[in-house]
Amino acid sequence: MIGYEGEWRTVKAAQTDRGPMGGVAVVVTWVEGGTARFPAGDELLLGEPQPPSLPA
């Protein structure tokens, strides 16, 4: 999982790619749908999926 745009998303696949200026980027495909491109050097917040909490 990665923290992205204020929420945790599940990574389906990740690969490296070249950006328009020739720099290295990481392209992530989300289980929830869609993709995102992160330039090399961006900090990604990683975490383990948490089981759903049971109602009190």
Protein backbone atom coordinates (compact mmCIF):
# COMPACT_ATOMS: atom_id res chain seq x y z
CA MET A 1 0.00 0.00 0.00
CA ILE A 2 1.11 3.54 -0.69
CA GLY A 3 -0.17 6.80 0.76
CA TYR A 4 -1.28 8.82 -2.28
CA GLU A 5 -3.47 11.92 -2.51
CA GLY A 6 -4.46 11.65 1.16
CA GLU A 7 -5.51 7.99 1.15
CA TRP A 8 -3.94 4.54 1.19
CA ARG A 9 -4.07 2.70 -2.12
CA THR A 10 -3.12 -0.89 -2.91
CA VAL A 11 -0.37 -1.45 -5.48
CA LYS A 12 -1.26 -3.90 -8.24
CA ALA A 13 1.97 -3.47 -10.25
CA ALA A 14 4.99 -1.18 -10.37
CA GLN A 15 7.57 -0.62 -13.08
CA THR A 16 10.24 1.86 -14.02
CA ASP A 17 9.96 4.16 -17.03
CA ARG A 18 11.62 7.21 -18.58
CA GLY A 19 10.05 10.61 -18.13
CA PRO A 20 9.68 13.24 -20.88
CA MET A 21 13.02 14.81 -19.91
CA GLY A 22 14.80 11.44 -19.79
CA GLY A 23 14.66 11.00 -16.01
CA VAL A 24 13.72 7.77 -14.27
CA ALA A 25 10.19 7.38 -12.91
CA VAL A 26 8.20 4.69 -11.10
CA VAL A 27 4.79 3.94 -12.63
CA VAL A 28 2.31 2.39 -10.19
CA THR A 29 -0.96 0.69 -11.15
CA TRP A 30 -3.57 0.65 -8.39
CA VAL A 31 -5.90 -2.24 -7.50
CA GLU A 32 -8.56 0.47 -7.06
CA GLY A 33 -8.03 1.52 -10.70
CA GLY A 34 -5.79 3.98 -12.51
CA THR A 35 -2.06 4.64 -12.49
CA ALA A 36 0.32 7.23 -11.11
CA ARG A 37 3.85 8.25 -12.11
CA PHE A 38 6.38 9.20 -9.44
CA PRO A 39 9.64 10.89 -10.46
CA ALA A 40 12.79 9.29 -9.07
CA GLY A 41 13.58 10.93 -5.75
CA ASP A 42 9.95 11.26 -4.58
CA GLU A 43 9.32 9.86 -1.13
CA LEU A 44 6.65 7.17 -1.06
CA LEU A 45 4.97 6.27 2.25
CA LEU A 46 4.63 2.51 2.44
CA GLY A 47 2.48 0.50 4.83
CA GLU A 48 0.95 -2.92 5.39
CA PRO A 49 -2.78 -3.39 4.84
CA GLN A 50 -4.69 -3.23 8.12
CA PRO A 51 -7.54 -5.64 8.80
CA PRO A 52 -10.94 -3.91 9.09
CA SER A 53 -11.83 -3.02 12.65
CA LEU A 54 -14.78 -4.74 14.25
CA PRO A 55 -17.69 -2.58 15.48
CA ALA A 56 -17.65 -1.94 19.22
